[in-house]
Amino acid sequence: MVFERPYEDLLVAQQTDDAAKLKLQHSLTKLTPGQMEIIKLKYFELLDYEEIADRLHLQPRTVYNKISEALKALRSHLKVLSSLYFVFF
């Protein structure tokens, strides 16, 4: 048996995905250039910690710490955006 979701459910899911993408894109603009570079290398170019370390002439542990800091900043900004979203909508 194949189950298909109603069209309205698909529309809501798409709108939710679009809103999440916009929030993430906005949050990425709040990162420092260095944070953005390291996030881009890890999550967009899919490099591992050692490859990023080699490219940026850093120790792998430093790369790990910088990614952790960037993700913390993203989470913080996304939390602020989410709370503002619920206040206004």
PDB file of N, CA and C in Angstrom:
ATOM      1  N   MET A   1       0.839  -1.183   0.000  1.00  0.00           N
ATOM      2  CA  MET A   1       0.000   0.000   0.000  1.00  0.00           C
ATOM      3  C   MET A   1       0.881   1.243   0.000  1.00  0.00           C
ATOM      4  N   VAL A   2       0.628   2.156  -0.908  1.00  0.00           N
ATOM      5  CA  VAL A   2       1.374   3.402  -1.007  1.00  0.00           C
ATOM      6  C   VAL A   2       0.547   4.502  -0.374  1.00  0.00           C
ATOM      7  N   PHE A   3       1.170   5.229   0.531  1.00  0.00           N
ATOM      8  CA  PHE A   3       0.481   6.323   1.219  1.00  0.00           C
ATOM      9  C   PHE A   3       1.006   7.644   0.686  1.00  0.00           C
ATOM     10  N   GLU A   4       0.126   8.467   0.208  1.00  0.00           N
ATOM     11  CA  GLU A   4       0.513   9.795  -0.272  1.00  0.00           C
ATOM     12  C   GLU A   4      -0.035  10.845   0.676  1.00  0.00           C
ATOM     13  N   ARG A   5       0.800  11.822   0.945  1.00  0.00           N
ATOM     14  CA  ARG A   5       0.370  12.910   1.820  1.00  0.00           C
ATOM     15  C   ARG A   5      -0.529  13.860   1.034  1.00  0.00           C
ATOM     16  N   PRO A   6      -1.519  14.425   1.722  1.00  0.00           N
ATOM     17  CA  PRO A   6      -2.372  15.417   1.049  1.00  0.00           C
ATOM     18  C   PRO A   6      -1.543  16.614   0.578  1.00  0.00           C
ATOM     19  N   TYR A   7      -1.985  17.242  -0.473  1.00  0.00           N
ATOM     20  CA  TYR A   7      -1.299  18.384  -1.073  1.00  0.00           C
ATOM     21  C   TYR A   7      -1.062  19.489  -0.047  1.00  0.00           C
ATOM     22  N   GLU A   8      -2.044  19.740   0.813  1.00  0.00           N
ATOM     23  CA  GLU A   8      -1.908  20.801   1.820  1.00  0.00           C
ATOM     24  C   GLU A   8      -0.756  20.505   2.774  1.00  0.00           C
ATOM     25  N   ASP A   9      -0.589  19.235   3.143  1.00  0.00           N
ATOM     26  CA  ASP A   9       0.524  18.859   4.024  1.00  0.00           C
ATOM     27  C   ASP A   9       1.866  19.108   3.347  1.00  0.00           C
ATOM     28  N   LEU A  10       1.936  18.800   2.061  1.00  0.00           N
ATOM     29  CA  LEU A  10       3.175  19.033   1.315  1.00  0.00           C
ATOM     30  C   LEU A  10       3.483  20.522   1.219  1.00  0.00           C
ATOM     31  N   LEU A  11       2.452  21.330   1.022  1.00  0.00           N
ATOM     32  CA  LEU A  11       2.641  22.787   0.960  1.00  0.00           C
ATOM     33  C   LEU A  11       3.156  23.332   2.286  1.00  0.00           C
ATOM     34  N   VAL A  12       2.553  22.897   3.378  1.00  0.00           N
ATOM     35  CA  VAL A  12       2.976  23.356   4.707  1.00  0.00           C
ATOM     36  C   VAL A  12       4.417  22.931   4.972  1.00  0.00           C
ATOM     37  N   ALA A  13       4.735  21.688   4.617  1.00  0.00           N
ATOM     38  CA  ALA A  13       6.108  21.203   4.818  1.00  0.00           C
ATOM     39  C   ALA A  13       7.097  22.036   4.007  1.00  0.00           C
ATOM     40  N   GLN A  14       6.750  22.362   2.771  1.00  0.00           N
ATOM     41  CA  GLN A  14       7.630  23.167   1.915  1.00  0.00           C
ATOM     42  C   GLN A  14       7.821  24.565   2.500  1.00  0.00           C
ATOM     43  N   GLN A  15       6.748  25.166   2.973  1.00  0.00           N
ATOM     44  CA  GLN A  15       6.843  26.510   3.550  1.00  0.00           C
ATOM     45  C   GLN A  15       7.688  26.491   4.820  1.00  0.00           C
ATOM     46  N   THR A  16       7.539  25.430   5.611  1.00  0.00           N
ATOM     47  CA  THR A  16       8.340  25.291   6.829  1.00  0.00           C
ATOM     48  C   THR A  16       9.813  25.137   6.478  1.00  0.00           C
ATOM     49  N   ASP A  17      10.109  24.323   5.464  1.00  0.00           N
ATOM     50  CA  ASP A  17      11.493  24.152   5.013  1.00  0.00           C
ATOM     51  C   ASP A  17      12.062  25.476   4.511  1.00  0.00           C
ATOM     52  N   ASP A  18      11.279  26.216   3.737  1.00  0.00           N
ATOM     53  CA  ASP A  18      11.742  27.504   3.210  1.00  0.00           C
ATOM     54  C   ASP A  18      12.031  28.486   4.343  1.00  0.00           C
ATOM     55  N   ALA A  19      11.152  28.523   5.357  1.00  0.00           N
ATOM     56  CA  ALA A  19      11.364  29.425   6.491  1.00  0.00           C
ATOM     57  C   ALA A  19      12.635  29.043   7.251  1.00  0.00           C
ATOM     58  N   ALA A  20      12.858  27.753   7.436  1.00  0.00           N
ATOM     59  CA  ALA A  20      14.054  27.291   8.140  1.00  0.00           C
ATOM     60  C   ALA A  20      15.312  27.652   7.348  1.00  0.00           C
ATOM     61  N   LYS A  21      15.258  27.488   6.030  1.00  0.00           N
ATOM     62  CA  LYS A  21      16.404  27.841   5.192  1.00  0.00           C
ATOM     63  C   LYS A  21      16.706  29.332   5.283  1.00  0.00           C
ATOM     64  N   LEU A  22      15.664  30.156   5.267  1.00  0.00           N
ATOM     65  CA  LEU A  22      15.873  31.604   5.374  1.00  0.00           C
ATOM     66  C   LEU A  22      16.491  31.980   6.717  1.00  0.00           C
ATOM     67  N   LYS A  23      16.013  31.356   7.794  1.00  0.00           N
ATOM     68  CA  LYS A  23      16.580  31.627   9.118  1.00  0.00           C
ATOM     69  C   LYS A  23      18.054  31.246   9.154  1.00  0.00           C
ATOM     70  N   LEU A  24      18.362  30.082   8.587  1.00  0.00           N
ATOM     71  CA  LEU A  24      19.760  29.636   8.585  1.00  0.00           C
ATOM     72  C   LEU A  24      20.631  30.563   7.746  1.00  0.00           C
ATOM     73  N   GLN A  25      20.155  30.949   6.574  1.00  0.00           N
ATOM     74  CA  GLN A  25      20.922  31.865   5.723  1.00  0.00           C
ATOM     75  C   GLN A  25      21.168  33.184   6.442  1.00  0.00           C
ATOM     76  N   HIS A  26      20.146  33.695   7.113  1.00  0.00           N
ATOM     77  CA  HIS A  26      20.299  34.952   7.854  1.00  0.00           C
ATOM     78  C   HIS A  26      21.311  34.776   8.995  1.00  0.00           C
ATOM     79  N   SER A  27      21.222  33.660   9.683  1.00  0.00           N
ATOM     80  CA  SER A  27      22.144  33.405  10.795  1.00  0.00           C
ATOM     81  C   SER A  27      23.578  33.270  10.309  1.00  0.00           C
ATOM     82  N   LEU A  28      23.768  32.678   9.148  1.00  0.00           N
ATOM     83  CA  LEU A  28      25.121  32.542   8.607  1.00  0.00           C
ATOM     84  C   LEU A  28      25.754  33.899   8.342  1.00  0.00           C
ATOM     85  N   THR A  29      24.943  34.901   7.993  1.00  0.00           N
ATOM     86  CA  THR A  29      25.496  36.232   7.746  1.00  0.00           C
ATOM     87  C   THR A  29      25.981  36.897   9.029  1.00  0.00           C
ATOM     88  N   LYS A  30      25.572  36.380  10.172  1.00  0.00           N
ATOM     89  CA  LYS A  30      25.982  36.946  11.458  1.00  0.00           C
ATOM     90  C   LYS A  30      27.311  36.396  11.960  1.00  0.00           C
ATOM     91  N   LEU A  31      27.823  35.358  11.284  1.00  0.00           N
ATOM     92  CA  LEU A  31      29.115  34.803  11.684  1.00  0.00           C
ATOM     93  C   LEU A  31      30.243  35.729  11.253  1.00  0.00           C
ATOM     94  N   THR A  32      31.357  35.621  11.944  1.00  0.00           N
ATOM     95  CA  THR A  32      32.546  36.358  11.524  1.00  0.00           C
ATOM     96  C   THR A  32      33.044  35.728  10.223  1.00  0.00           C
ATOM     97  N   PRO A  33      33.861  36.448   9.458  1.00  0.00           N
ATOM     98  CA  PRO A  33      34.396  35.847   8.222  1.00  0.00           C
ATOM     99  C   PRO A  33      35.146  34.533   8.476  1.00  0.00           C
ATOM    100  N   GLY A  34      35.903  34.470   9.562  1.00  0.00           N
ATOM    101  CA  GLY A  34      36.633  33.245   9.891  1.00  0.00           C
ATOM    102  C   GLY A  34      35.699  32.090  10.223  1.00  0.00           C
ATOM    103  N   GLN A  35      34.644  32.390  10.991  1.00  0.00           N
ATOM    104  CA  GLN A  35      33.664  31.354  11.319  1.00  0.00           C
ATOM    105  C   GLN A  35      32.953  30.871  10.058  1.00  0.00           C
ATOM    106  N   MET A  36      32.603  31.814   9.192  1.00  0.00           N
ATOM    107  CA  MET A  36      31.912  31.438   7.967  1.00  0.00           C
ATOM    108  C   MET A  36      32.804  30.563   7.097  1.00  0.00           C
ATOM    109  N   GLU A  37      34.081  30.902   7.015  1.00  0.00           N
ATOM    110  CA  GLU A  37      34.999  30.117   6.200  1.00  0.00           C
ATOM    111  C   GLU A  37      35.093  28.684   6.707  1.00  0.00           C
ATOM    112  N   ILE A  38      35.221  28.522   8.015  1.00  0.00           N
ATOM    113  CA  ILE A  38      35.393  27.180   8.563  1.00  0.00           C
ATOM    114  C   ILE A  38      34.102  26.365   8.452  1.00  0.00           C
ATOM    115  N   ILE A  39      32.949  27.006   8.585  1.00  0.00           N
ATOM    116  CA  ILE A  39      31.653  26.323   8.397  1.00  0.00           C
ATOM    117  C   ILE A  39      31.501  25.914   6.933  1.00  0.00           C
ATOM    118  N   LYS A  40      31.885  26.799   6.034  1.00  0.00           N
ATOM    119  CA  LYS A  40      31.796  26.494   4.605  1.00  0.00           C
ATOM    120  C   LYS A  40      32.659  25.272   4.268  1.00  0.00           C
ATOM    121  N   LEU A  41      33.869  25.239   4.787  1.00  0.00           N
ATOM    122  CA  LEU A  41      34.765  24.119   4.510  1.00  0.00           C
ATOM    123  C   LEU A  41      34.224  22.806   5.083  1.00  0.00           C
ATOM    124  N   LYS A  42      33.664  22.864   6.277  1.00  0.00           N
ATOM    125  CA  LYS A  42      33.183  21.644   6.934  1.00  0.00           C
ATOM    126  C   LYS A  42      31.867  21.155   6.347  1.00  0.00           C
ATOM    127  N   TYR A  43      30.905  22.044   6.180  1.00  0.00           N
ATOM    128  CA  TYR A  43      29.543  21.610   5.843  1.00  0.00           C
ATOM    129  C   TYR A  43      29.145  21.811   4.388  1.00  0.00           C
ATOM    130  N   PHE A  44      29.836  22.663   3.665  1.00  0.00           N
ATOM    131  CA  PHE A  44      29.505  22.865   2.256  1.00  0.00           C
ATOM    132  C   PHE A  44      30.498  22.147   1.342  1.00  0.00           C
ATOM    133  N   GLU A  45      31.778  22.174   1.733  1.00  0.00           N
ATOM    134  CA  GLU A  45      32.788  21.459   0.945  1.00  0.00           C
ATOM    135  C   GLU A  45      33.051  20.060   1.494  1.00  0.00           C
ATOM    136  N   LEU A  46      32.457  19.766   2.662  1.00  0.00           N
ATOM    137  CA  LEU A  46      32.509  18.436   3.289  1.00  0.00           C
ATOM    138  C   LEU A  46      33.922  17.943   3.576  1.00  0.00           C
ATOM    139  N   LEU A  47      34.788  18.870   3.986  1.00  0.00           N
ATOM    140  CA  LEU A  47      36.142  18.491   4.378  1.00  0.00           C
ATOM    141  C   LEU A  47      36.134  17.990   5.814  1.00  0.00           C
ATOM    142  N   ASP A  48      37.055  17.082   6.137  1.00  0.00           N
ATOM    143  CA  ASP A  48      37.161  16.655   7.526  1.00  0.00           C
ATOM    144  C   ASP A  48      38.100  17.603   8.279  1.00  0.00           C
ATOM    145  N   TYR A  49      38.215  17.380   9.581  1.00  0.00           N
ATOM    146  CA  TYR A  49      38.987  18.300  10.424  1.00  0.00           C
ATOM    147  C   TYR A  49      40.446  18.404   9.977  1.00  0.00           C
ATOM    148  N   GLU A  50      41.032  17.267   9.601  1.00  0.00           N
ATOM    149  CA  GLU A  50      42.430  17.279   9.187  1.00  0.00           C
ATOM    150  C   GLU A  50      42.619  18.052   7.878  1.00  0.00           C
ATOM    151  N   GLU A  51      41.698  17.873   6.943  1.00  0.00           N
ATOM    152  CA  GLU A  51      41.796  18.595   5.670  1.00  0.00           C
ATOM    153  C   GLU A  51      41.654  20.103   5.881  1.00  0.00           C
ATOM    154  N   ILE A  52      40.728  20.477   6.761  1.00  0.00           N
ATOM    155  CA  ILE A  52      40.552  21.904   7.064  1.00  0.00           C
ATOM    156  C   ILE A  52      41.803  22.442   7.740  1.00  0.00           C
ATOM    157  N   ALA A  53      42.345  21.671   8.669  1.00  0.00           N
ATOM    158  CA  ALA A  53      43.563  22.089   9.371  1.00  0.00           C
ATOM    159  C   ALA A  53      44.712  22.309   8.386  1.00  0.00           C
ATOM    160  N   ASP A  54      44.857  21.394   7.446  1.00  0.00           N
ATOM    161  CA  ASP A  54      45.910  21.541   6.440  1.00  0.00           C
ATOM    162  C   ASP A  54      45.695  22.790   5.597  1.00  0.00           C
ATOM    163  N   ARG A  55      44.467  23.006   5.183  1.00  0.00           N
ATOM    164  CA  ARG A  55      44.172  24.144   4.306  1.00  0.00           C
ATOM    165  C   ARG A  55      44.374  25.477   5.025  1.00  0.00           C
ATOM    166  N   LEU A  56      44.005  25.525   6.308  1.00  0.00           N
ATOM    167  CA  LEU A  56      44.083  26.783   7.057  1.00  0.00           C
ATOM    168  C   LEU A  56      45.357  26.894   7.894  1.00  0.00           C
ATOM    169  N   HIS A  57      46.220  25.887   7.802  1.00  0.00           N
ATOM    170  CA  HIS A  57      47.475  25.873   8.565  1.00  0.00           C
ATOM    171  C   HIS A  57      47.199  25.984  10.070  1.00  0.00           C
ATOM    172  N   LEU A  58      46.277  25.139  10.535  1.00  0.00           N
ATOM    173  CA  LEU A  58      45.914  25.073  11.945  1.00  0.00           C
ATOM    174  C   LEU A  58      46.058  23.645  12.434  1.00  0.00           C
ATOM    175  N   GLN A  59      46.005  23.479  13.747  1.00  0.00           N
ATOM    176  CA  GLN A  59      45.956  22.142  14.327  1.00  0.00           C
ATOM    177  C   GLN A  59      44.512  21.624  14.235  1.00  0.00           C
ATOM    178  N   PRO A  60      44.327  20.313  14.051  1.00  0.00           N
ATOM    179  CA  PRO A  60      42.959  19.769  13.988  1.00  0.00           C
ATOM    180  C   PRO A  60      42.122  20.128  15.211  1.00  0.00           C
ATOM    181  N   ARG A  61      42.728  20.150  16.379  1.00  0.00           N
ATOM    182  CA  ARG A  61      41.980  20.503  17.599  1.00  0.00           C
ATOM    183  C   ARG A  61      41.495  21.955  17.532  1.00  0.00           C
ATOM    184  N   THR A  62      42.296  22.834  16.978  1.00  0.00           N
ATOM    185  CA  THR A  62      41.896  24.235  16.811  1.00  0.00           C
ATOM    186  C   THR A  62      40.709  24.326  15.862  1.00  0.00           C
ATOM    187  N   VAL A  63      40.742  23.542  14.796  1.00  0.00           N
ATOM    188  CA  VAL A  63      39.630  23.520  13.842  1.00  0.00           C
ATOM    189  C   VAL A  63      38.364  23.057  14.556  1.00  0.00           C
ATOM    190  N   TYR A  64      38.486  21.991  15.327  1.00  0.00           N
ATOM    191  CA  TYR A  64      37.347  21.474  16.087  1.00  0.00           C
ATOM    192  C   TYR A  64      36.764  22.561  17.000  1.00  0.00           C
ATOM    193  N   ASN A  65      37.635  23.258  17.717  1.00  0.00           N
ATOM    194  CA  ASN A  65      37.180  24.312  18.632  1.00  0.00           C
ATOM    195  C   ASN A  65      36.517  25.464  17.878  1.00  0.00           C
ATOM    196  N   LYS A  66      37.079  25.849  16.743  1.00  0.00           N
ATOM    197  CA  LYS A  66      36.509  26.951  15.964  1.00  0.00           C
ATOM    198  C   LYS A  66      35.142  26.574  15.378  1.00  0.00           C
ATOM    199  N   ILE A  67      35.004  25.335  14.933  1.00  0.00           N
ATOM    200  CA  ILE A  67      33.701  24.882  14.431  1.00  0.00           C
ATOM    201  C   ILE A  67      32.688  24.864  15.566  1.00  0.00           C
ATOM    202  N   SER A  68      33.108  24.406  16.713  1.00  0.00           N
ATOM    203  CA  SER A  68      32.224  24.381  17.878  1.00  0.00           C
ATOM    204  C   SER A  68      31.746  25.789  18.238  1.00  0.00           C
ATOM    205  N   GLU A  69      32.657  26.750  18.223  1.00  0.00           N
ATOM    206  CA  GLU A  69      32.299  28.141  18.518  1.00  0.00           C
ATOM    207  C   GLU A  69      31.329  28.693  17.470  1.00  0.00           C
ATOM    208  N   ALA A  70      31.578  28.387  16.204  1.00  0.00           N
ATOM    209  CA  ALA A  70      30.703  28.873  15.131  1.00  0.00           C
ATOM    210  C   ALA A  70      29.316  28.266  15.253  1.00  0.00           C
ATOM    211  N   LEU A  71      29.240  26.973  15.566  1.00  0.00           N
ATOM    212  CA  LEU A  71      27.935  26.325  15.729  1.00  0.00           C
ATOM    213  C   LEU A  71      27.186  26.883  16.937  1.00  0.00           C
ATOM    214  N   LYS A  72      27.923  27.194  17.992  1.00  0.00           N
ATOM    215  CA  LYS A  72      27.301  27.791  19.165  1.00  0.00           C
ATOM    216  C   LYS A  72      26.708  29.157  18.807  1.00  0.00           C
ATOM    217  N   ALA A  73      27.444  29.946  18.026  1.00  0.00           N
ATOM    218  CA  ALA A  73      26.941  31.253  17.591  1.00  0.00           C
ATOM    219  C   ALA A  73      25.704  31.091  16.712  1.00  0.00           C
ATOM    220  N   LEU A  74      25.725  30.110  15.812  1.00  0.00           N
ATOM    221  CA  LEU A  74      24.557  29.857  14.959  1.00  0.00           C
ATOM    222  C   LEU A  74      23.343  29.459  15.795  1.00  0.00           C
ATOM    223  N   ARG A  75      23.542  28.532  16.721  1.00  0.00           N
ATOM    224  CA  ARG A  75      22.428  28.101  17.581  1.00  0.00           C
ATOM    225  C   ARG A  75      21.855  29.270  18.360  1.00  0.00           C
ATOM    226  N   SER A  76      22.723  30.101  18.882  1.00  0.00           N
ATOM    227  CA  SER A  76      22.281  31.260  19.659  1.00  0.00           C
ATOM    228  C   SER A  76      21.450  32.206  18.790  1.00  0.00           C
ATOM    229  N   HIS A  77      21.931  32.484  17.599  1.00  0.00           N
ATOM    230  CA  HIS A  77      21.209  33.398  16.720  1.00  0.00           C
ATOM    231  C   HIS A  77      19.897  32.786  16.252  1.00  0.00           C
ATOM    232  N   LEU A  78      19.889  31.491  15.961  1.00  0.00           N
ATOM    233  CA  LEU A  78      18.663  30.820  15.543  1.00  0.00           C
ATOM    234  C   LEU A  78      17.637  30.808  16.669  1.00  0.00           C
ATOM    235  N   LYS A  79      18.112  30.674  17.908  1.00  0.00           N
ATOM    236  CA  LYS A  79      17.201  30.702  19.059  1.00  0.00           C
ATOM    237  C   LYS A  79      16.536  32.072  19.166  1.00  0.00           C
ATOM    238  N   VAL A  80      17.317  33.130  18.971  1.00  0.00           N
ATOM    239  CA  VAL A  80      16.772  34.494  19.013  1.00  0.00           C
ATOM    240  C   VAL A  80      15.749  34.677  17.896  1.00  0.00           C
ATOM    241  N   LEU A  81      16.085  34.224  16.689  1.00  0.00           N
ATOM    242  CA  LEU A  81      15.148  34.347  15.570  1.00  0.00           C
ATOM    243  C   LEU A  81      13.857  33.581  15.835  1.00  0.00           C
ATOM    244  N   SER A  82      13.976  32.388  16.402  1.00  0.00           N
ATOM    245  CA  SER A  82      12.792  31.583  16.679  1.00  0.00           C
ATOM    246  C   SER A  82      11.903  32.253  17.707  1.00  0.00           C
ATOM    247  N   SER A  83      12.497  32.825  18.744  1.00  0.00           N
ATOM    248  CA  SER A  83      11.672  33.486  19.759  1.00  0.00           C
ATOM    249  C   SER A  83      11.028  34.733  19.199  1.00  0.00           C
ATOM    250  N   LEU A  84      11.732  35.471  18.315  1.00  0.00           N
ATOM    251  CA  LEU A  84      11.113  36.636  17.682  1.00  0.00           C
ATOM    252  C   LEU A  84       9.988  36.210  16.759  1.00  0.00           C
ATOM    253  N   TYR A  85      10.161  35.095  16.075  1.00  0.00           N
ATOM    254  CA  TYR A  85       9.140  34.578  15.163  1.00  0.00           C
ATOM    255  C   TYR A  85       7.856  34.292  15.947  1.00  0.00           C
ATOM    256  N   PHE A  86       7.965  33.666  17.119  1.00  0.00           N
ATOM    257  CA  PHE A  86       6.784  33.341  17.894  1.00  0.00           C
ATOM    258  C   PHE A  86       6.138  34.574  18.490  1.00  0.00           C
ATOM    259  N   VAL A  87       6.908  35.606  18.775  1.00  0.00           N
ATOM    260  CA  VAL A  87       6.354  36.842  19.315  1.00  0.00           C
ATOM    261  C   VAL A  87       5.516  37.562  18.259  1.00  0.00           C
ATOM    262  N   PHE A  88       6.018  37.600  17.028  1.00  0.00           N
ATOM    263  CA  PHE A  88       5.338  38.362  15.972  1.00  0.00           C
ATOM    264  C   PHE A  88       4.332  37.545  15.174  1.00  0.00           C
ATOM    265  N   PHE A  89       4.409  36.236  15.245  1.00  0.00           N
ATOM    266  CA  PHE A  89       3.486  35.425  14.460  1.00  0.00           C
ATOM    267  C   PHE A  89       2.773  34.526  15.382  1.00  0.00           C
TER     268      PHE A  89
END
